[in-house]
C-alpha atoms as a PDB file:
ATOM      1  CA  MET A   1      22.598 -27.762 -77.444  1.00  0.00           C
ATOM      2  CA  ASP A   2      19.760 -27.270 -79.866  1.00  0.00           C
ATOM      3  CA  ILE A   3      17.444 -26.007 -77.347  1.00  0.00           C
ATOM      4  CA  VAL A   4      20.237 -23.603 -75.944  1.00  0.00           C
ATOM      5  CA  GLY A   5      20.955 -22.345 -79.386  1.00  0.00           C
ATOM      6  CA  ALA A   6      17.184 -21.693 -80.284  1.00  0.00           C
ATOM      7  CA  PHE A   7      16.661 -19.828 -76.978  1.00  0.00           C
ATOM      8  CA  MET A   8      19.863 -17.636 -77.616  1.00  0.00           C
ATOM      9  CA  SER A   9      18.752 -17.015 -81.103  1.00  0.00           C
ATOM     10  CA  LEU A  10      14.998 -16.536 -79.922  1.00  0.00           C
ATOM     11  CA  THR A  11      16.345 -13.967 -77.135  1.00  0.00           C
ATOM     12  CA  GLY A  12      18.495 -12.138 -79.911  1.00  0.00           C
ATOM     13  CA  ALA A  13      15.407 -11.635 -82.091  1.00  0.00           C
ATOM     14  CA  LEU A  14      13.535 -10.126 -79.019  1.00  0.00           C
ATOM     15  CA  PHE A  15      16.110  -7.614 -78.665  1.00  0.00           C
ATOM     16  CA  LEU A  16      16.623  -6.848 -82.289  1.00  0.00           C
ATOM     17  CA  PHE A  17      12.864  -6.450 -82.206  1.00  0.00           C
ATOM     18  CA  LEU A  18      12.845  -4.165 -79.096  1.00  0.00           C
ATOM     19  CA  GLY A  19      15.783  -2.009 -80.885  1.00  0.00           C
ATOM     20  CA  THR A  20      13.277  -1.570 -83.741  1.00  0.00           C
ATOM     21  CA  LEU A  21      10.397  -0.391 -81.297  1.00  0.00           C
ATOM     22  CA  GLY A  22      12.996   2.108 -79.643  1.00  0.00           C
ATOM     23  CA  ILE A  23      13.901   3.621 -83.158  1.00  0.00           C
ATOM     24  CA  ILE A  24      10.181   3.952 -83.977  1.00  0.00           C
ATOM     25  CA  ARG A  25       9.305   5.446 -80.532  1.00  0.00           C
ATOM     26  CA  MET A  26      12.162   7.670 -79.554  1.00  0.00           C
ATOM     27  CA  PRO A  27      11.898  11.483 -79.934  1.00  0.00           C
ATOM     28  CA  ASP A  28      14.772  12.600 -81.634  1.00  0.00           C
ATOM     29  CA  VAL A  29      17.823  11.208 -83.849  1.00  0.00           C
ATOM     30  CA  TYR A  30      20.098  10.688 -80.848  1.00  0.00           C
ATOM     31  CA  ASN A  31      17.669   8.524 -78.633  1.00  0.00           C
ATOM     32  CA  ARG A  32      16.880   6.863 -81.685  1.00  0.00           C
ATOM     33  CA  MET A  33      20.509   5.966 -82.486  1.00  0.00           C
ATOM     34  CA  GLN A  34      21.217   5.081 -78.798  1.00  0.00           C
ATOM     35  CA  ALA A  35      18.421   2.700 -78.657  1.00  0.00           C
ATOM     36  CA  GLY A  36      19.095   0.849 -81.857  1.00  0.00           C
ATOM     37  CA  THR A  37      23.019   0.771 -81.176  1.00  0.00           C
ATOM     38  CA  LYS A  38      22.479  -0.854 -77.927  1.00  0.00           C
ATOM     39  CA  ALA A  39      19.594  -3.622 -78.636  1.00  0.00           C
ATOM     40  CA  THR A  40      20.935  -4.366 -82.167  1.00  0.00           C
ATOM     41  CA  THR A  41      24.600  -4.921 -80.847  1.00  0.00           C
ATOM     42  CA  LEU A  42      23.170  -7.378 -78.159  1.00  0.00           C
ATOM     43  CA  GLY A  43      20.600  -8.732 -80.442  1.00  0.00           C
ATOM     44  CA  SER A  44      22.992  -9.754 -83.078  1.00  0.00           C
ATOM     45  CA  MET A  45      25.815 -10.966 -80.682  1.00  0.00           C
ATOM     46  CA  LEU A  46      22.680 -13.412 -78.936  1.00  0.00           C
ATOM     47  CA  PHE A  47      21.556 -14.287 -82.401  1.00  0.00           C
ATOM     48  CA  LEU A  48      24.900 -15.204 -83.951  1.00  0.00           C
ATOM     49  CA  LEU A  49      25.683 -16.917 -80.822  1.00  0.00           C
ATOM     50  CA  GLY A  50      22.717 -18.895 -80.777  1.00  0.00           C
ATOM     51  CA  LEU A  51      23.465 -20.162 -84.580  1.00  0.00           C
ATOM     52  CA  ALA A  52      26.961 -21.142 -83.562  1.00  0.00           C
ATOM     53  CA  ILE A  53      25.763 -23.203 -80.334  1.00  0.00           C
ATOM     54  CA  GLY A  54      22.791 -24.576 -82.227  1.00  0.00           C
ATOM     55  CA  ASN A  55      24.945 -25.605 -85.271  1.00  0.00           C
ATOM     56  CA  ALA A  56      28.075 -26.789 -83.178  1.00  0.00           C
ATOM     57  CA  GLY A  57      28.439 -29.834 -85.642  1.00  0.00           C
ATOM     58  CA  CYS A  58      29.586 -27.095 -88.744  1.00  0.00           C
ATOM     59  CA  LEU A  59      32.624 -25.492 -89.416  1.00  0.00           C
ATOM     60  CA  CYS A  60      31.064 -21.946 -89.235  1.00  0.00           C
ATOM     61  CA  THR A  61      31.421 -21.572 -85.583  1.00  0.00           C
ATOM     62  CA  GLY A  62      35.055 -19.752 -85.998  1.00  0.00           C
ATOM     63  CA  LYS A  63      33.474 -17.149 -88.561  1.00  0.00           C
ATOM     64  CA  ILE A  64      30.570 -16.642 -86.461  1.00  0.00           C
ATOM     65  CA  ILE A  65      32.871 -15.559 -83.570  1.00  0.00           C
ATOM     66  CA  LEU A  66      34.764 -13.474 -85.760  1.00  0.00           C
ATOM     67  CA  LEU A  67      31.488 -11.680 -86.899  1.00  0.00           C
ATOM     68  CA  VAL A  68      30.250 -11.344 -82.898  1.00  0.00           C
ATOM     69  CA  ILE A  69      34.007  -9.527 -82.148  1.00  0.00           C
ATOM     70  CA  PHE A  70      33.399  -7.269 -85.267  1.00  0.00           C
ATOM     71  CA  ILE A  71      30.016  -6.489 -84.110  1.00  0.00           C
ATOM     72  CA  ILE A  72      31.459  -5.716 -80.611  1.00  0.00           C
ATOM     73  CA  PHE A  73      33.677  -3.393 -82.139  1.00  0.00           C
ATOM     74  CA  THR A  74      32.233  -1.368 -84.979  1.00  0.00           C
ATOM     75  CA  ASN A  75      28.548  -0.783 -83.913  1.00  0.00           C
ATOM     76  CA  PRO A  76      29.132   1.371 -80.930  1.00  0.00           C
ATOM     77  CA  ILE A  77      31.993   3.392 -82.948  1.00  0.00           C
ATOM     78  CA  SER A  78      29.840   3.855 -85.736  1.00  0.00           C
ATOM     79  CA  SER A  79      26.921   4.878 -83.660  1.00  0.00           C
ATOM     80  CA  HIS A  80      29.171   7.394 -81.844  1.00  0.00           C
ATOM     81  CA  ALA A  81      30.910   8.873 -85.453  1.00  0.00           C
ATOM     82  CA  LEU A  82      27.186   9.158 -86.682  1.00  0.00           C
ATOM     83  CA  ALA A  83      25.920  10.812 -83.547  1.00  0.00           C
ATOM     84  CA  ARG A  84      28.828  13.445 -83.639  1.00  0.00           C
ATOM     85  CA  ALA A  85      28.554  14.023 -87.513  1.00  0.00           C
ATOM     86  CA  ALA A  86      24.540  14.779 -86.734  1.00  0.00           C
ATOM     87  CA  HIS A  87      25.237  17.486 -84.212  1.00  0.00           C
ATOM     88  CA  ALA A  88      28.056  18.825 -86.176  1.00  0.00           C
ATOM     89  CA  ALA A  89      25.374  19.062 -88.731  1.00  0.00           C
ATOM     90  CA  GLY A  90      23.207  20.923 -86.663  1.00  0.00           C
ATOM     91  CA  ILE A  91      20.296  18.689 -85.993  1.00  0.00           C
ATOM     92  CA  ARG A  92      18.500  19.744 -82.898  1.00  0.00           C
ATOM     93  CA  LEU A  93      17.799  17.929 -79.796  1.00  0.00           C
ATOM     94  CA  THR A  94      14.366  17.286 -78.585  1.00  0.00           C
ATOM     95  CA  SER A  95      12.765  20.203 -76.325  1.00  0.00           C
ATOM     96  CA  THR A  96      13.072  17.648 -73.351  1.00  0.00           C
ATOM     97  CA  THR A  97      16.770  17.113 -73.364  1.00  0.00           C
ATOM     98  CA  VAL A  98      18.021  18.520 -69.999  1.00  0.00           C
ATOM     99  CA  ARG A  99      21.777  19.417 -71.232  1.00  0.00           C
ATOM    100  CA  ASP A 100      24.027  19.006 -73.977  1.00  0.00           C
ATOM    101  CA  ASP A 101      27.713  18.389 -73.103  1.00  0.00           C
ATOM    102  CA  LEU A 102      29.042  18.579 -76.659  1.00  0.00           C
ATOM    103  CA  ASP A 103      27.750  21.593 -77.339  1.00  0.00           C
ATOM    104  CA  ALA A 104      28.867  23.067 -74.004  1.00  0.00           C
ATOM    105  CA  ASP A 105      32.364  21.918 -74.566  1.00  0.00           C
ATOM    106  CA  LYS A 106      32.198  23.307 -78.185  1.00  0.00           C
ATOM    107  CA  LYS A 107      31.218  26.558 -76.430  1.00  0.00           C
ATOM    108  CA  LYS A 108      34.473  26.478 -74.213  1.00  0.00           C
ATOM    109  CA  GLY A 109      36.780  25.791 -76.952  1.00  0.00           C
ATOM    110  CA  GLU A 110      35.676  28.721 -78.724  1.00  0.00           C
ATOM    111  CA  GLN A 111      36.078  30.962 -75.813  1.00  0.00           C
ATOM    112  CA  LYS A 112      39.796  30.075 -75.568  1.00  0.00           C
END
């Protein structure tokens, strides 16, 4: 079980690294947020589950499972809230963005 836990933790660390790379490489705040959130959610979950599997004898497995559940619910919700706040604050999208559905919905609401 130690090898499985180590492999899962290493895979989680790889996803966390890729999320960091995505934050550096993406052109605007919205793409950076999306890249960081998806990768860190999966990376954190894999890393923590790898710790739980690798240390199956400790009494911390329940706490780790609770942390994973907390990450599943809070990470995407907080990212969504930050993206909406950034859009409301007027942070512009990159020039290569094809469409802005949130802006289109806002304009429809103003016309009514």
